[in-house]
Amino acid sequence: MDIIETIKDQIAKNTVLLYMKGAPNAPQCGFSAKASQALMACGEKFAYVDILQNPEIRANLPKYANWPTFPQLWVDGELVGGSDIIVEMHADGSLQKLVKEAVEKNATA
């Protein structure tokens, strides 16, 4: 499977997916730390991919997503955005709503 197919498969199989540097409990950059903390505060399970452990994904995801930076949050197959957007959405309550609705929708699908 080529790397773009792997990325598409990861996005399709995970309702909430965070591409980040490090892991949620051990982020390797401040932006990934803020994004994962905001996502954890939503109270729903989510998947993550450590791009530092996956250099091919790190190199190819920005081209596929047309989004140059990490972290990247994908919810229900759609790119939500990076750290600033995630933090803003968490602050206004829209992140929790988006994540909860996506998880509930896919739990019954």
N, C-alpha and C. Protein backbone atom coordinates (compact mmCIF):
# COMPACT_ATOMS: atom_id res chain seq x y z
N MET A 1 0.86 -1.18 0.00
CA MET A 1 0.00 0.00 0.00
C MET A 1 0.90 1.24 0.00
N ASP A 2 0.63 2.16 -0.91
CA ASP A 2 1.47 3.35 -0.91
C ASP A 2 1.05 4.28 0.22
N ILE A 3 1.90 5.25 0.51
CA ILE A 3 1.70 6.09 1.70
C ILE A 3 0.42 6.91 1.64
N ILE A 4 0.02 7.38 0.47
CA ILE A 4 -1.24 8.13 0.36
C ILE A 4 -2.42 7.22 0.67
N GLU A 5 -2.37 5.99 0.21
CA GLU A 5 -3.44 5.03 0.53
C GLU A 5 -3.47 4.75 2.04
N THR A 6 -2.30 4.67 2.65
CA THR A 6 -2.22 4.47 4.10
C THR A 6 -2.87 5.63 4.83
N ILE A 7 -2.56 6.85 4.41
CA ILE A 7 -3.16 8.05 5.03
C ILE A 7 -4.67 8.04 4.86
N LYS A 8 -5.14 7.78 3.65
CA LYS A 8 -6.59 7.73 3.40
C LYS A 8 -7.25 6.68 4.28
N ASP A 9 -6.61 5.53 4.43
CA ASP A 9 -7.13 4.44 5.24
C ASP A 9 -7.20 4.85 6.72
N GLN A 10 -6.16 5.51 7.23
CA GLN A 10 -6.16 5.97 8.62
C GLN A 10 -7.30 6.96 8.86
N ILE A 11 -7.48 7.88 7.94
CA ILE A 11 -8.52 8.90 8.08
C ILE A 11 -9.90 8.25 8.01
N ALA A 12 -10.07 7.28 7.12
CA ALA A 12 -11.36 6.62 6.96
C ALA A 12 -11.72 5.74 8.17
N LYS A 13 -10.73 5.13 8.77
CA LYS A 13 -10.99 4.16 9.85
C LYS A 13 -11.11 4.79 11.23
N ASN A 14 -10.74 6.06 11.37
CA ASN A 14 -10.74 6.72 12.68
C ASN A 14 -11.63 7.96 12.63
N THR A 15 -12.70 7.94 13.41
CA THR A 15 -13.63 9.06 13.44
C THR A 15 -12.92 10.35 13.84
N VAL A 16 -12.08 10.27 14.85
CA VAL A 16 -11.32 11.43 15.32
C VAL A 16 -9.84 11.02 15.30
N LEU A 17 -9.06 11.72 14.49
CA LEU A 17 -7.66 11.36 14.29
C LEU A 17 -6.79 12.60 14.35
N LEU A 18 -5.77 12.55 15.19
CA LEU A 18 -4.84 13.66 15.34
C LEU A 18 -3.46 13.21 14.86
N TYR A 19 -2.97 13.87 13.83
CA TYR A 19 -1.58 13.68 13.40
C TYR A 19 -0.77 14.69 14.19
N MET A 20 0.19 14.20 14.97
CA MET A 20 0.91 15.08 15.88
C MET A 20 2.36 14.64 16.04
N LYS A 21 3.13 15.49 16.69
CA LYS A 21 4.50 15.15 17.05
C LYS A 21 4.48 14.59 18.47
N GLY A 22 4.79 13.29 18.57
CA GLY A 22 4.74 12.63 19.86
C GLY A 22 3.41 11.95 20.07
N ALA A 23 3.07 11.74 21.34
CA ALA A 23 1.82 11.09 21.73
C ALA A 23 1.05 12.04 22.64
N PRO A 24 -0.28 11.85 22.78
CA PRO A 24 -1.05 12.76 23.62
C PRO A 24 -0.50 12.88 25.05
N ASN A 25 0.00 11.78 25.61
CA ASN A 25 0.53 11.84 26.97
C ASN A 25 2.02 12.22 27.00
N ALA A 26 2.64 12.36 25.82
CA ALA A 26 4.04 12.77 25.73
C ALA A 26 4.29 13.54 24.43
N PRO A 27 3.64 14.69 24.28
CA PRO A 27 3.81 15.46 23.03
C PRO A 27 5.25 15.96 22.89
N GLN A 28 5.69 16.08 21.64
CA GLN A 28 7.06 16.48 21.37
C GLN A 28 7.18 17.92 20.86
N CYS A 29 6.07 18.66 20.89
CA CYS A 29 6.14 20.10 20.57
C CYS A 29 4.96 20.79 21.24
N GLY A 30 5.09 22.08 21.44
CA GLY A 30 4.05 22.84 22.14
C GLY A 30 2.72 22.86 21.41
N PHE A 31 2.77 22.93 20.08
CA PHE A 31 1.52 22.96 19.31
C PHE A 31 0.78 21.63 19.43
N SER A 32 1.52 20.52 19.38
CA SER A 32 0.90 19.21 19.54
C SER A 32 0.37 19.05 20.97
N ALA A 33 1.07 19.61 21.94
CA ALA A 33 0.60 19.54 23.33
C ALA A 33 -0.74 20.26 23.49
N LYS A 34 -0.83 21.48 22.96
CA LYS A 34 -2.07 22.26 23.06
C LYS A 34 -3.22 21.54 22.36
N ALA A 35 -2.95 21.01 21.16
CA ALA A 35 -3.99 20.34 20.39
C ALA A 35 -4.48 19.09 21.09
N SER A 36 -3.56 18.27 21.59
CA SER A 36 -3.97 17.03 22.23
C SER A 36 -4.69 17.30 23.56
N GLN A 37 -4.27 18.32 24.30
CA GLN A 37 -4.96 18.68 25.55
C GLN A 37 -6.39 19.12 25.27
N ALA A 38 -6.58 19.94 24.24
CA ALA A 38 -7.93 20.39 23.89
C ALA A 38 -8.80 19.20 23.48
N LEU A 39 -8.21 18.28 22.73
CA LEU A 39 -8.95 17.11 22.27
C LEU A 39 -9.27 16.18 23.43
N MET A 40 -8.34 15.97 24.33
CA MET A 40 -8.58 15.12 25.51
C MET A 40 -9.68 15.71 26.39
N ALA A 41 -9.75 17.04 26.44
CA ALA A 41 -10.76 17.70 27.25
C ALA A 41 -12.18 17.45 26.72
N CYS A 42 -12.29 17.01 25.47
CA CYS A 42 -13.61 16.71 24.90
C CYS A 42 -14.20 15.44 25.51
N GLY A 43 -13.35 14.59 26.08
CA GLY A 43 -13.84 13.41 26.77
C GLY A 43 -14.17 12.22 25.88
N GLU A 44 -13.84 12.28 24.61
CA GLU A 44 -14.09 11.16 23.70
C GLU A 44 -12.76 10.53 23.32
N LYS A 45 -12.81 9.23 23.00
CA LYS A 45 -11.59 8.56 22.55
C LYS A 45 -11.22 9.07 21.16
N PHE A 46 -9.94 9.17 20.91
CA PHE A 46 -9.46 9.55 19.59
C PHE A 46 -8.18 8.80 19.27
N ALA A 47 -7.92 8.68 17.98
CA ALA A 47 -6.69 8.04 17.52
C ALA A 47 -5.66 9.12 17.24
N TYR A 48 -4.40 8.70 17.25
CA TYR A 48 -3.35 9.64 16.88
C TYR A 48 -2.28 8.89 16.11
N VAL A 49 -1.53 9.64 15.31
CA VAL A 49 -0.37 9.12 14.60
C VAL A 49 0.80 10.04 14.95
N ASP A 50 1.86 9.45 15.47
CA ASP A 50 3.08 10.21 15.78
C ASP A 50 3.88 10.34 14.50
N ILE A 51 3.88 11.54 13.93
CA ILE A 51 4.56 11.74 12.65
C ILE A 51 6.08 11.66 12.78
N LEU A 52 6.59 11.82 13.99
CA LEU A 52 8.04 11.68 14.19
C LEU A 52 8.46 10.22 14.01
N GLN A 53 7.55 9.30 14.28
CA GLN A 53 7.82 7.87 14.10
C GLN A 53 7.44 7.40 12.70
N ASN A 54 6.81 8.27 11.93
CA ASN A 54 6.33 7.93 10.59
C ASN A 54 6.76 9.00 9.59
N PRO A 55 8.05 9.00 9.22
CA PRO A 55 8.56 10.08 8.36
C PRO A 55 7.89 10.16 6.99
N GLU A 56 7.41 9.03 6.46
CA GLU A 56 6.72 9.08 5.17
C GLU A 56 5.39 9.82 5.29
N ILE A 57 4.69 9.60 6.38
CA ILE A 57 3.44 10.34 6.61
C ILE A 57 3.75 11.82 6.83
N ARG A 58 4.79 12.08 7.60
CA ARG A 58 5.19 13.48 7.86
C ARG A 58 5.49 14.20 6.55
N ALA A 59 6.11 13.52 5.62
CA ALA A 59 6.49 14.14 4.35
C ALA A 59 5.31 14.28 3.39
N ASN A 60 4.36 13.34 3.44
CA ASN A 60 3.30 13.30 2.41
C ASN A 60 1.95 13.86 2.85
N LEU A 61 1.64 13.83 4.13
CA LEU A 61 0.34 14.31 4.58
C LEU A 61 0.10 15.79 4.24
N PRO A 62 1.09 16.68 4.41
CA PRO A 62 0.83 18.08 4.04
C PRO A 62 0.40 18.25 2.59
N LYS A 63 0.96 17.45 1.68
CA LYS A 63 0.55 17.53 0.27
C LYS A 63 -0.87 17.01 0.09
N TYR A 64 -1.16 15.87 0.73
CA TYR A 64 -2.49 15.27 0.61
C TYR A 64 -3.55 16.21 1.20
N ALA A 65 -3.27 16.76 2.36
CA ALA A 65 -4.25 17.60 3.08
C ALA A 65 -4.30 19.03 2.57
N ASN A 66 -3.27 19.43 1.83
CA ASN A 66 -3.12 20.82 1.45
C ASN A 66 -3.07 21.71 2.70
N TRP A 67 -2.38 21.20 3.71
CA TRP A 67 -2.21 21.89 4.99
C TRP A 67 -0.76 21.67 5.40
N PRO A 68 0.05 22.72 5.51
CA PRO A 68 1.50 22.53 5.61
C PRO A 68 2.06 22.12 6.97
N THR A 69 1.28 22.29 8.03
CA THR A 69 1.86 22.14 9.36
C THR A 69 1.22 21.00 10.15
N PHE A 70 1.84 20.68 11.28
CA PHE A 70 1.32 19.72 12.24
C PHE A 70 1.19 20.42 13.57
N PRO A 71 0.24 20.02 14.39
CA PRO A 71 -0.68 18.89 14.23
C PRO A 71 -1.78 19.16 13.21
N GLN A 72 -2.43 18.06 12.83
CA GLN A 72 -3.62 18.13 11.97
C GLN A 72 -4.70 17.28 12.61
N LEU A 73 -5.87 17.87 12.78
CA LEU A 73 -7.01 17.14 13.32
C LEU A 73 -7.98 16.82 12.20
N TRP A 74 -8.34 15.55 12.12
CA TRP A 74 -9.33 15.07 11.16
C TRP A 74 -10.51 14.51 11.93
N VAL A 75 -11.71 14.96 11.60
CA VAL A 75 -12.93 14.46 12.24
C VAL A 75 -13.89 14.03 11.15
N ASP A 76 -14.30 12.79 11.23
CA ASP A 76 -15.26 12.22 10.28
C ASP A 76 -14.79 12.40 8.83
N GLY A 77 -13.48 12.18 8.62
CA GLY A 77 -12.93 12.23 7.27
C GLY A 77 -12.60 13.61 6.74
N GLU A 78 -12.85 14.64 7.53
CA GLU A 78 -12.61 16.02 7.09
C GLU A 78 -11.50 16.66 7.93
N LEU A 79 -10.64 17.41 7.27
CA LEU A 79 -9.61 18.16 7.99
C LEU A 79 -10.25 19.33 8.73
N VAL A 80 -10.05 19.38 10.04
CA VAL A 80 -10.55 20.48 10.85
C VAL A 80 -9.54 21.61 10.85
N GLY A 81 -8.27 21.27 11.06
CA GLY A 81 -7.23 22.29 11.05
C GLY A 81 -6.10 21.94 12.00
N GLY A 82 -5.31 22.96 12.30
CA GLY A 82 -4.15 22.80 13.15
C GLY A 82 -4.37 23.31 14.56
N SER A 83 -3.29 23.50 15.26
CA SER A 83 -3.32 23.82 16.68
C SER A 83 -4.15 25.06 17.00
N ASP A 84 -3.94 26.16 16.27
CA ASP A 84 -4.67 27.41 16.57
C ASP A 84 -6.17 27.21 16.42
N ILE A 85 -6.57 26.54 15.36
CA ILE A 85 -8.00 26.30 15.12
C ILE A 85 -8.57 25.38 16.20
N ILE A 86 -7.84 24.34 16.55
CA ILE A 86 -8.29 23.39 17.58
C ILE A 86 -8.48 24.12 18.90
N VAL A 87 -7.51 24.94 19.29
CA VAL A 87 -7.58 25.67 20.56
C VAL A 87 -8.75 26.66 20.55
N GLU A 88 -8.93 27.38 19.44
CA GLU A 88 -10.06 28.33 19.32
C GLU A 88 -11.39 27.60 19.43
N MET A 89 -11.50 26.47 18.73
CA MET A 89 -12.75 25.70 18.76
C MET A 89 -13.02 25.15 20.15
N HIS A 90 -11.97 24.74 20.84
CA HIS A 90 -12.13 24.26 22.22
C HIS A 90 -12.65 25.40 23.11
N ALA A 91 -12.07 26.58 22.94
CA ALA A 91 -12.46 27.73 23.77
C ALA A 91 -13.92 28.14 23.56
N ASP A 92 -14.42 28.03 22.32
CA ASP A 92 -15.81 28.45 22.09
C ASP A 92 -16.81 27.30 22.17
N GLY A 93 -16.33 26.09 22.49
CA GLY A 93 -17.23 24.96 22.68
C GLY A 93 -17.55 24.18 21.41
N SER A 94 -17.12 24.66 20.27
CA SER A 94 -17.48 23.98 19.02
C SER A 94 -16.69 22.68 18.80
N LEU A 95 -15.50 22.58 19.38
CA LEU A 95 -14.72 21.34 19.23
C LEU A 95 -15.42 20.18 19.93
N GLN A 96 -15.86 20.41 21.15
CA GLN A 96 -16.56 19.37 21.89
C GLN A 96 -17.80 18.91 21.14
N LYS A 97 -18.56 19.86 20.61
CA LYS A 97 -19.79 19.55 19.87
C LYS A 97 -19.46 18.73 18.62
N LEU A 98 -18.47 19.16 17.86
CA LEU A 98 -18.08 18.47 16.63
C LEU A 98 -17.64 17.04 16.92
N VAL A 99 -16.76 16.88 17.90
CA VAL A 99 -16.23 15.56 18.24
C VAL A 99 -17.33 14.64 18.76
N LYS A 100 -18.15 15.15 19.68
CA LYS A 100 -19.23 14.34 20.27
C LYS A 100 -20.22 13.89 19.19
N GLU A 101 -20.62 14.80 18.33
CA GLU A 101 -21.58 14.44 17.27
C GLU A 101 -20.99 13.40 16.30
N ALA A 102 -19.72 13.55 15.95
CA ALA A 102 -19.07 12.60 15.04
C ALA A 102 -18.97 11.21 15.67
N VAL A 103 -18.57 11.18 16.94
CA VAL A 103 -18.43 9.89 17.64
C VAL A 103 -19.80 9.22 17.77
N GLU A 104 -20.82 9.98 18.17
CA GLU A 104 -22.17 9.40 18.32
C GLU A 104 -22.71 8.91 16.98
N LYS A 105 -22.52 9.68 15.91
CA LYS A 105 -22.99 9.30 14.59
C LYS A 105 -22.34 7.99 14.14
N ASN A 106 -21.05 7.87 14.35
CA ASN A 106 -20.33 6.69 13.90
C ASN A 106 -20.51 5.50 14.83
N ALA A 107 -20.94 5.72 16.04
CA ALA A 107 -21.23 4.61 16.96
C ALA A 107 -22.49 3.88 16.52
N THR A 108 -23.41 4.61 15.89
CA THR A 108 -24.67 3.99 15.47
C THR A 108 -24.64 3.57 14.00
N ALA A 109 -23.59 3.95 13.31
CA ALA A 109 -23.50 3.62 11.86
C ALA A 109 -23.18 2.16 11.63
